[in-house]
């Protein structure tokens, strides 16, 4: 291990990193955070993984790199419009069937407010998956507005 001279840039970075580690260890040892598993796991993840940037970049069909927000938005809009609208060159036999899905005349009653409230509560507690495969976070953040 090479020695680091005091006052050098690497010495400063090492000291800073050690101070950050001590601060993280101190925060992990707080009694209030010990009972909160979510905060504990988040701090452990930050400690082990370090800093991650939130920058995104995309490539155009030509291969150019796009990083600006407006250009990224336009590129995503074009991609999903093309994806959702489909290509006009597909003949009816190639893609999805033309006939709609038949419900076989099943008469399914609408759920009442109590059943919806119980289902949302179970989703909030991560005890049940949504039948429509929607993430539980949607129901957690939507709250009572979703029931109405």
N, C-alpha and C. Protein backbone atom coordinates (compact mmCIF):
# COMPACT_ATOMS: atom_id res chain seq x y z
N UNK A 1 0.86 -1.18 0.00
CA UNK A 1 0.00 0.00 0.00
C UNK A 1 0.90 1.23 0.00
N UNK A 2 0.76 2.07 -1.01
CA UNK A 2 1.59 3.28 -1.04
C UNK A 2 1.15 4.27 0.03
N UNK A 3 2.11 4.99 0.55
CA UNK A 3 1.82 5.99 1.57
C UNK A 3 1.26 7.24 0.92
N UNK A 4 0.33 7.86 1.60
CA UNK A 4 -0.28 9.08 1.10
C UNK A 4 0.25 10.24 1.92
N UNK A 5 0.81 11.22 1.24
CA UNK A 5 1.37 12.37 1.94
C UNK A 5 0.26 13.30 2.40
N UNK A 6 0.46 13.89 3.58
CA UNK A 6 -0.53 14.83 4.09
C UNK A 6 -0.58 16.05 3.20
N UNK A 7 -1.79 16.56 2.99
CA UNK A 7 -1.97 17.75 2.17
C UNK A 7 -2.18 17.43 0.70
N UNK A 8 -1.98 16.20 0.29
CA UNK A 8 -2.19 15.86 -1.12
C UNK A 8 -3.68 15.62 -1.38
N UNK A 9 -4.01 15.57 -2.64
CA UNK A 9 -5.41 15.40 -3.04
C UNK A 9 -5.94 14.04 -2.60
N UNK A 10 -5.15 13.00 -2.76
CA UNK A 10 -5.60 11.66 -2.36
C UNK A 10 -5.75 11.56 -0.85
N UNK A 11 -4.91 12.25 -0.10
CA UNK A 11 -5.03 12.26 1.36
C UNK A 11 -6.35 12.92 1.76
N UNK A 12 -6.67 14.04 1.11
CA UNK A 12 -7.92 14.74 1.39
C UNK A 12 -9.11 13.85 1.06
N UNK A 13 -9.07 13.16 -0.09
CA UNK A 13 -10.17 12.28 -0.49
C UNK A 13 -10.32 11.11 0.48
N UNK A 14 -9.21 10.57 0.93
CA UNK A 14 -9.25 9.47 1.89
C UNK A 14 -9.86 9.92 3.20
N UNK A 15 -9.44 11.09 3.68
CA UNK A 15 -9.99 11.62 4.92
C UNK A 15 -11.49 11.87 4.79
N UNK A 16 -11.89 12.42 3.65
CA UNK A 16 -13.31 12.70 3.42
C UNK A 16 -14.12 11.40 3.40
N UNK A 17 -13.61 10.39 2.72
CA UNK A 17 -14.30 9.10 2.64
C UNK A 17 -14.41 8.46 4.02
N UNK A 18 -13.36 8.55 4.82
CA UNK A 18 -13.41 7.99 6.17
C UNK A 18 -14.40 8.74 7.04
N UNK A 19 -14.48 10.07 6.89
CA UNK A 19 -15.44 10.85 7.65
C UNK A 19 -16.87 10.48 7.26
N UNK A 20 -17.10 10.27 5.96
CA UNK A 20 -18.44 9.86 5.51
C UNK A 20 -18.80 8.50 6.06
N UNK A 21 -17.85 7.58 6.10
CA UNK A 21 -18.11 6.24 6.65
C UNK A 21 -18.44 6.32 8.14
N UNK A 22 -17.72 7.17 8.88
CA UNK A 22 -18.02 7.34 10.30
C UNK A 22 -19.42 7.92 10.49
N UNK A 23 -19.79 8.87 9.62
CA UNK A 23 -21.12 9.47 9.72
C UNK A 23 -22.20 8.44 9.44
N UNK A 24 -22.01 7.60 8.41
CA UNK A 24 -22.97 6.54 8.11
C UNK A 24 -23.08 5.56 9.27
N UNK A 25 -21.96 5.18 9.84
CA UNK A 25 -21.97 4.24 10.96
C UNK A 25 -22.69 4.84 12.16
N UNK A 26 -22.48 6.14 12.39
CA UNK A 26 -23.17 6.81 13.50
C UNK A 26 -24.67 6.79 13.26
N UNK A 27 -25.10 7.11 12.03
CA UNK A 27 -26.53 7.13 11.73
C UNK A 27 -27.14 5.73 11.84
N UNK A 28 -26.38 4.70 11.48
CA UNK A 28 -26.89 3.34 11.59
C UNK A 28 -27.05 2.90 13.04
N UNK A 29 -26.25 3.48 13.92
CA UNK A 29 -26.31 3.10 15.32
C UNK A 29 -27.38 3.85 16.12
N UNK A 30 -28.06 4.81 15.49
CA UNK A 30 -29.09 5.55 16.21
C UNK A 30 -30.21 4.59 16.64
N UNK A 31 -30.66 4.67 17.88
CA UNK A 31 -31.72 3.77 18.34
C UNK A 31 -33.04 3.96 17.59
N UNK A 32 -33.35 5.18 17.17
CA UNK A 32 -34.62 5.42 16.48
C UNK A 32 -34.66 4.72 15.13
N UNK A 33 -33.52 4.59 14.47
CA UNK A 33 -33.50 3.98 13.15
C UNK A 33 -33.39 2.45 13.22
N UNK A 34 -33.05 1.92 14.35
CA UNK A 34 -32.91 0.47 14.45
C UNK A 34 -34.25 -0.23 14.27
N UNK A 35 -35.33 0.38 14.74
CA UNK A 35 -36.64 -0.24 14.62
C UNK A 35 -37.25 -0.04 13.24
N UNK A 36 -36.72 0.88 12.46
CA UNK A 36 -37.27 1.15 11.14
C UNK A 36 -36.43 0.40 10.11
N UNK A 37 -36.93 -0.74 9.67
CA UNK A 37 -36.16 -1.59 8.75
C UNK A 37 -35.96 -0.93 7.40
N UNK A 38 -36.93 -0.16 6.95
CA UNK A 38 -36.81 0.48 5.63
C UNK A 38 -35.65 1.48 5.62
N UNK A 39 -35.57 2.33 6.65
CA UNK A 39 -34.47 3.30 6.71
C UNK A 39 -33.13 2.60 6.87
N UNK A 40 -33.12 1.55 7.69
CA UNK A 40 -31.88 0.81 7.89
C UNK A 40 -31.39 0.20 6.58
N UNK A 41 -32.29 -0.46 5.85
CA UNK A 41 -31.90 -1.09 4.58
C UNK A 41 -31.49 -0.05 3.55
N UNK A 42 -32.16 1.10 3.54
CA UNK A 42 -31.79 2.16 2.60
C UNK A 42 -30.38 2.68 2.89
N UNK A 43 -30.08 2.88 4.17
CA UNK A 43 -28.75 3.37 4.53
C UNK A 43 -27.67 2.32 4.26
N UNK A 44 -28.00 1.06 4.47
CA UNK A 44 -27.04 0.00 4.16
C UNK A 44 -26.78 -0.07 2.66
N UNK A 45 -27.83 0.11 1.86
CA UNK A 45 -27.67 0.11 0.41
C UNK A 45 -26.81 1.29 -0.03
N UNK A 46 -27.04 2.46 0.55
CA UNK A 46 -26.23 3.63 0.22
C UNK A 46 -24.77 3.40 0.61
N UNK A 47 -24.59 2.75 1.73
CA UNK A 47 -23.23 2.49 2.21
C UNK A 47 -22.49 1.51 1.31
N UNK A 48 -23.18 0.48 0.85
CA UNK A 48 -22.51 -0.53 0.04
C UNK A 48 -22.43 -0.15 -1.43
N UNK A 49 -23.48 0.48 -1.97
CA UNK A 49 -23.50 0.79 -3.41
C UNK A 49 -22.87 2.13 -3.74
N UNK A 50 -22.92 3.07 -2.82
CA UNK A 50 -22.36 4.39 -3.09
C UNK A 50 -23.32 5.25 -3.90
N UNK A 51 -22.80 6.33 -4.45
CA UNK A 51 -23.61 7.30 -5.18
C UNK A 51 -23.89 6.80 -6.59
N UNK A 52 -25.15 6.94 -7.02
CA UNK A 52 -25.51 6.58 -8.39
C UNK A 52 -26.18 7.79 -9.03
N UNK A 53 -25.78 8.08 -10.23
CA UNK A 53 -26.36 9.23 -10.93
C UNK A 53 -27.74 8.88 -11.43
N UNK A 54 -28.55 9.91 -11.65
CA UNK A 54 -29.89 9.72 -12.17
C UNK A 54 -30.01 10.17 -13.60
N UNK A 55 -28.90 10.32 -14.30
CA UNK A 55 -28.93 10.80 -15.68
C UNK A 55 -29.27 9.66 -16.62
N UNK A 56 -30.05 9.98 -17.63
CA UNK A 56 -30.44 9.00 -18.63
C UNK A 56 -30.06 9.52 -20.00
N UNK A 57 -29.71 8.62 -20.86
CA UNK A 57 -29.43 8.98 -22.24
C UNK A 57 -30.00 7.90 -23.14
N UNK A 58 -30.39 8.31 -24.33
CA UNK A 58 -30.98 7.40 -25.30
C UNK A 58 -30.26 7.56 -26.62
N UNK A 59 -30.45 6.59 -27.49
CA UNK A 59 -29.89 6.65 -28.83
C UNK A 59 -31.02 6.76 -29.84
N UNK A 60 -30.80 7.61 -30.83
CA UNK A 60 -31.77 7.75 -31.92
C UNK A 60 -31.62 6.54 -32.84
N UNK A 61 -32.58 6.34 -33.75
CA UNK A 61 -32.43 5.23 -34.71
C UNK A 61 -31.16 5.33 -35.55
N UNK A 62 -30.63 6.54 -35.73
CA UNK A 62 -29.38 6.72 -36.47
C UNK A 62 -28.15 6.39 -35.62
N UNK A 63 -28.33 6.29 -34.30
CA UNK A 63 -27.21 5.97 -33.42
C UNK A 63 -26.67 7.15 -32.65
N UNK A 64 -27.26 8.34 -32.82
CA UNK A 64 -26.80 9.53 -32.09
C UNK A 64 -27.26 9.46 -30.64
N UNK A 65 -26.44 9.99 -29.74
CA UNK A 65 -26.75 10.00 -28.32
C UNK A 65 -27.59 11.22 -27.99
N UNK A 66 -28.70 11.02 -27.27
CA UNK A 66 -29.62 12.10 -26.89
C UNK A 66 -29.63 12.20 -25.37
N UNK A 67 -29.32 13.40 -24.84
CA UNK A 67 -29.32 13.59 -23.39
C UNK A 67 -30.23 14.73 -22.94
N UNK A 68 -30.62 15.62 -23.85
CA UNK A 68 -31.47 16.75 -23.48
C UNK A 68 -32.87 16.24 -23.15
N UNK A 69 -33.53 16.91 -22.21
CA UNK A 69 -34.84 16.46 -21.74
C UNK A 69 -35.88 16.52 -22.86
N UNK A 70 -35.92 17.63 -23.60
CA UNK A 70 -36.93 17.77 -24.66
C UNK A 70 -36.70 16.76 -25.79
N UNK A 71 -35.45 16.55 -26.17
CA UNK A 71 -35.15 15.59 -27.23
C UNK A 71 -35.48 14.17 -26.77
N UNK A 72 -35.19 13.87 -25.51
CA UNK A 72 -35.52 12.56 -24.97
C UNK A 72 -37.02 12.35 -24.96
N UNK A 73 -37.76 13.39 -24.57
CA UNK A 73 -39.21 13.30 -24.55
C UNK A 73 -39.77 13.04 -25.94
N UNK A 74 -39.26 13.77 -26.95
CA UNK A 74 -39.72 13.57 -28.32
C UNK A 74 -39.40 12.16 -28.81
N UNK A 75 -38.19 11.69 -28.50
CA UNK A 75 -37.78 10.35 -28.93
C UNK A 75 -38.67 9.28 -28.30
N UNK A 76 -38.94 9.41 -26.99
CA UNK A 76 -39.81 8.44 -26.32
C UNK A 76 -41.23 8.51 -26.86
N UNK A 77 -41.71 9.72 -27.12
CA UNK A 77 -43.06 9.88 -27.66
C UNK A 77 -43.18 9.18 -29.01
N UNK A 78 -42.19 9.38 -29.89
CA UNK A 78 -42.21 8.72 -31.20
C UNK A 78 -42.17 7.20 -31.05
N UNK A 79 -41.30 6.73 -30.16
CA UNK A 79 -41.15 5.29 -29.98
C UNK A 79 -42.46 4.65 -29.51
N UNK A 80 -43.08 5.25 -28.48
CA UNK A 80 -44.29 4.64 -27.93
C UNK A 80 -45.49 4.83 -28.84
N UNK A 81 -45.54 5.93 -29.59
CA UNK A 81 -46.62 6.08 -30.57
C UNK A 81 -46.50 4.99 -31.63
N UNK A 82 -45.29 4.75 -32.10
CA UNK A 82 -45.07 3.71 -33.10
C UNK A 82 -45.38 2.34 -32.50
N UNK A 83 -45.01 2.14 -31.24
CA UNK A 83 -45.23 0.86 -30.59
C UNK A 83 -46.72 0.61 -30.34
N UNK A 84 -47.42 1.62 -29.84
CA UNK A 84 -48.83 1.45 -29.50
C UNK A 84 -49.75 1.49 -30.72
N UNK A 85 -49.43 2.33 -31.69
CA UNK A 85 -50.28 2.42 -32.88
C UNK A 85 -49.99 1.29 -33.85
N UNK A 86 -48.84 0.70 -33.75
CA UNK A 86 -48.49 -0.40 -34.63
C UNK A 86 -48.06 0.09 -35.99
N UNK A 87 -47.57 -0.82 -36.77
CA UNK A 87 -47.13 -0.50 -38.12
C UNK A 87 -48.29 -0.74 -39.07
N UNK A 88 -48.45 0.16 -40.05
CA UNK A 88 -49.55 0.02 -41.01
C UNK A 88 -49.25 -1.03 -42.06
N UNK A 89 -48.02 -1.54 -42.10
CA UNK A 89 -47.65 -2.53 -43.10
C UNK A 89 -48.03 -3.95 -42.69
N UNK A 90 -48.53 -4.15 -41.47
CA UNK A 90 -48.90 -5.49 -41.02
C UNK A 90 -50.25 -5.86 -41.60
N UNK A 91 -50.34 -7.02 -42.18
CA UNK A 91 -51.61 -7.50 -42.72
C UNK A 91 -52.42 -8.12 -41.60
N UNK A 92 -53.76 -8.23 -41.76
CA UNK A 92 -54.60 -8.71 -40.66
C UNK A 92 -54.25 -10.10 -40.14
N UNK A 93 -53.70 -10.99 -40.94
CA UNK A 93 -53.38 -12.33 -40.48
C UNK A 93 -52.10 -12.41 -39.66
N UNK A 94 -51.22 -11.42 -39.74
CA UNK A 94 -49.92 -11.48 -39.08
C UNK A 94 -49.96 -11.09 -37.61
N UNK A 95 -50.71 -10.07 -37.29
CA UNK A 95 -50.68 -9.52 -35.93
C UNK A 95 -51.67 -10.20 -35.01
N UNK A 96 -52.28 -9.40 -34.16
CA UNK A 96 -53.25 -9.91 -33.22
C UNK A 96 -54.54 -10.27 -33.95
N UNK A 97 -55.37 -11.12 -33.39
CA UNK A 97 -56.62 -11.47 -34.05
C UNK A 97 -57.54 -10.26 -34.14
N UNK A 98 -58.35 -10.22 -35.22
CA UNK A 98 -59.25 -9.09 -35.43
C UNK A 98 -60.48 -9.15 -34.55
N UNK A 99 -60.92 -10.34 -34.16
CA UNK A 99 -62.13 -10.45 -33.36
C UNK A 99 -61.85 -10.07 -31.91
N UNK A 100 -62.77 -9.34 -31.29
CA UNK A 100 -62.56 -8.97 -29.88
C UNK A 100 -62.71 -10.19 -28.97
N UNK A 101 -62.20 -10.07 -27.78
CA UNK A 101 -62.29 -11.17 -26.82
C UNK A 101 -63.73 -11.26 -26.33
N UNK A 102 -64.27 -12.47 -26.36
CA UNK A 102 -65.65 -12.69 -25.94
C UNK A 102 -65.67 -13.03 -24.45
N UNK A 103 -66.57 -12.39 -23.71
CA UNK A 103 -66.65 -12.65 -22.28
C UNK A 103 -67.59 -13.81 -21.95
N UNK A 104 -68.12 -14.48 -22.94
CA UNK A 104 -68.97 -15.65 -22.82
C UNK A 104 -70.21 -15.34 -21.98
N UNK A 105 -70.64 -14.12 -21.99
CA UNK A 105 -71.87 -13.74 -21.32
C UNK A 105 -71.83 -13.86 -19.81
N UNK A 106 -70.67 -13.86 -19.21
CA UNK A 106 -70.56 -13.98 -17.76
C UNK A 106 -71.03 -12.68 -17.11
N UNK A 107 -71.94 -12.83 -16.16
CA UNK A 107 -72.47 -11.67 -15.44
C UNK A 107 -71.70 -11.54 -14.13
N UNK A 108 -70.75 -10.62 -14.09
CA UNK A 108 -69.91 -10.43 -12.91
C UNK A 108 -70.39 -9.17 -12.19
N UNK A 109 -70.78 -9.30 -10.92
CA UNK A 109 -71.26 -8.11 -10.20
C UNK A 109 -70.09 -7.17 -9.88
N UNK A 110 -70.41 -5.89 -9.78
CA UNK A 110 -69.40 -4.89 -9.43
C UNK A 110 -69.06 -5.01 -7.94
N UNK A 111 -67.82 -4.82 -7.56
CA UNK A 111 -67.47 -4.91 -6.14
C UNK A 111 -67.98 -3.68 -5.39
N UNK A 112 -68.31 -3.87 -4.12
CA UNK A 112 -68.76 -2.73 -3.32
C UNK A 112 -67.54 -2.01 -2.74
N UNK A 113 -67.79 -0.88 -2.10
CA UNK A 113 -66.69 -0.06 -1.57
C UNK A 113 -65.88 -0.78 -0.50
N UNK A 114 -66.53 -1.61 0.29
CA UNK A 114 -65.82 -2.32 1.36
C UNK A 114 -64.82 -3.32 0.78
N UNK A 115 -65.22 -4.05 -0.27
CA UNK A 115 -64.31 -5.01 -0.91
C UNK A 115 -63.13 -4.29 -1.55
N UNK A 116 -63.38 -3.13 -2.15
CA UNK A 116 -62.30 -2.35 -2.75
C UNK A 116 -61.34 -1.86 -1.68
N UNK A 117 -61.88 -1.39 -0.55
CA UNK A 117 -61.04 -0.90 0.54
C UNK A 117 -60.17 -2.03 1.10
N UNK A 118 -60.75 -3.22 1.27
CA UNK A 118 -59.99 -4.36 1.79
C UNK A 118 -58.89 -4.76 0.81
N UNK A 119 -59.21 -4.77 -0.48
CA UNK A 119 -58.21 -5.14 -1.49
C UNK A 119 -57.06 -4.14 -1.51
N UNK A 120 -57.38 -2.85 -1.41
CA UNK A 120 -56.33 -1.83 -1.41
C UNK A 120 -55.48 -1.93 -0.15
N UNK A 121 -56.11 -2.21 0.99
CA UNK A 121 -55.37 -2.39 2.23
C UNK A 121 -54.41 -3.57 2.12
N UNK A 122 -54.87 -4.66 1.52
CA UNK A 122 -54.00 -5.83 1.35
C UNK A 122 -52.85 -5.50 0.40
N UNK A 123 -53.12 -4.70 -0.63
CA UNK A 123 -52.05 -4.30 -1.54
C UNK A 123 -51.05 -3.41 -0.83
N UNK A 124 -51.54 -2.53 0.03
CA UNK A 124 -50.64 -1.63 0.77
C UNK A 124 -49.71 -2.42 1.67
N UNK A 125 -50.21 -3.52 2.21
CA UNK A 125 -49.40 -4.34 3.11
C UNK A 125 -48.56 -5.36 2.35
N UNK A 126 -48.58 -5.28 1.02
CA UNK A 126 -47.84 -6.20 0.16
C UNK A 126 -48.22 -7.66 0.41
N UNK A 127 -49.50 -7.89 0.68
CA UNK A 127 -49.96 -9.25 0.92
C UNK A 127 -50.66 -9.85 -0.29
N UNK A 128 -50.98 -9.03 -1.27
CA UNK A 128 -51.69 -9.55 -2.43
C UNK A 128 -51.22 -8.81 -3.67
N UNK A 129 -51.23 -9.52 -4.79
CA UNK A 129 -50.91 -8.89 -6.06
C UNK A 129 -52.20 -8.43 -6.71
N UNK A 130 -52.10 -7.37 -7.47
CA UNK A 130 -53.26 -6.89 -8.20
C UNK A 130 -53.59 -7.82 -9.35
N UNK A 131 -54.88 -8.05 -9.58
CA UNK A 131 -55.31 -8.92 -10.67
C UNK A 131 -54.92 -8.33 -12.02
N UNK A 132 -54.83 -7.00 -12.08
CA UNK A 132 -54.47 -6.35 -13.34
C UNK A 132 -52.97 -6.05 -13.41
N UNK A 133 -52.19 -6.58 -12.48
CA UNK A 133 -50.73 -6.44 -12.45
C UNK A 133 -50.27 -5.00 -12.28
N UNK A 134 -51.08 -4.17 -11.64
CA UNK A 134 -50.66 -2.81 -11.32
C UNK A 134 -49.81 -2.85 -10.06
N UNK A 135 -48.77 -2.03 -9.98
CA UNK A 135 -47.91 -2.07 -8.80
C UNK A 135 -48.64 -1.55 -7.57
N UNK A 136 -48.27 -2.10 -6.43
CA UNK A 136 -48.91 -1.70 -5.18
C UNK A 136 -48.63 -0.24 -4.85
N UNK A 137 -47.51 0.32 -5.36
CA UNK A 137 -47.18 1.71 -5.07
C UNK A 137 -48.25 2.66 -5.61
N UNK A 138 -48.89 2.28 -6.71
CA UNK A 138 -49.96 3.11 -7.27
C UNK A 138 -51.08 3.25 -6.27
N UNK A 139 -51.47 2.15 -5.65
CA UNK A 139 -52.56 2.18 -4.69
C UNK A 139 -52.14 2.85 -3.39
N UNK A 140 -50.88 2.70 -3.02
CA UNK A 140 -50.39 3.31 -1.79
C UNK A 140 -50.44 4.83 -1.90
N UNK A 141 -49.99 5.36 -3.03
CA UNK A 141 -49.93 6.81 -3.18
C UNK A 141 -51.26 7.42 -3.60
N UNK A 142 -52.13 6.65 -4.23
CA UNK A 142 -53.42 7.18 -4.67
C UNK A 142 -54.36 7.34 -3.48
N UNK A 143 -54.28 6.42 -2.53
CA UNK A 143 -55.07 6.52 -1.31
C UNK A 143 -56.56 6.43 -1.54
N UNK A 144 -57.30 7.24 -0.82
CA UNK A 144 -58.76 7.20 -0.86
C UNK A 144 -59.33 7.72 -2.18
N UNK A 145 -58.56 8.50 -2.93
CA UNK A 145 -59.05 9.02 -4.21
C UNK A 145 -59.32 7.91 -5.20
N UNK A 146 -58.60 6.81 -5.08
CA UNK A 146 -58.76 5.69 -6.01
C UNK A 146 -60.07 4.95 -5.76
N UNK A 147 -60.54 4.95 -4.53
CA UNK A 147 -61.77 4.22 -4.19
C UNK A 147 -62.99 4.91 -4.79
N UNK A 148 -62.97 6.23 -4.83
CA UNK A 148 -64.14 6.97 -5.31
C UNK A 148 -64.38 6.84 -6.76
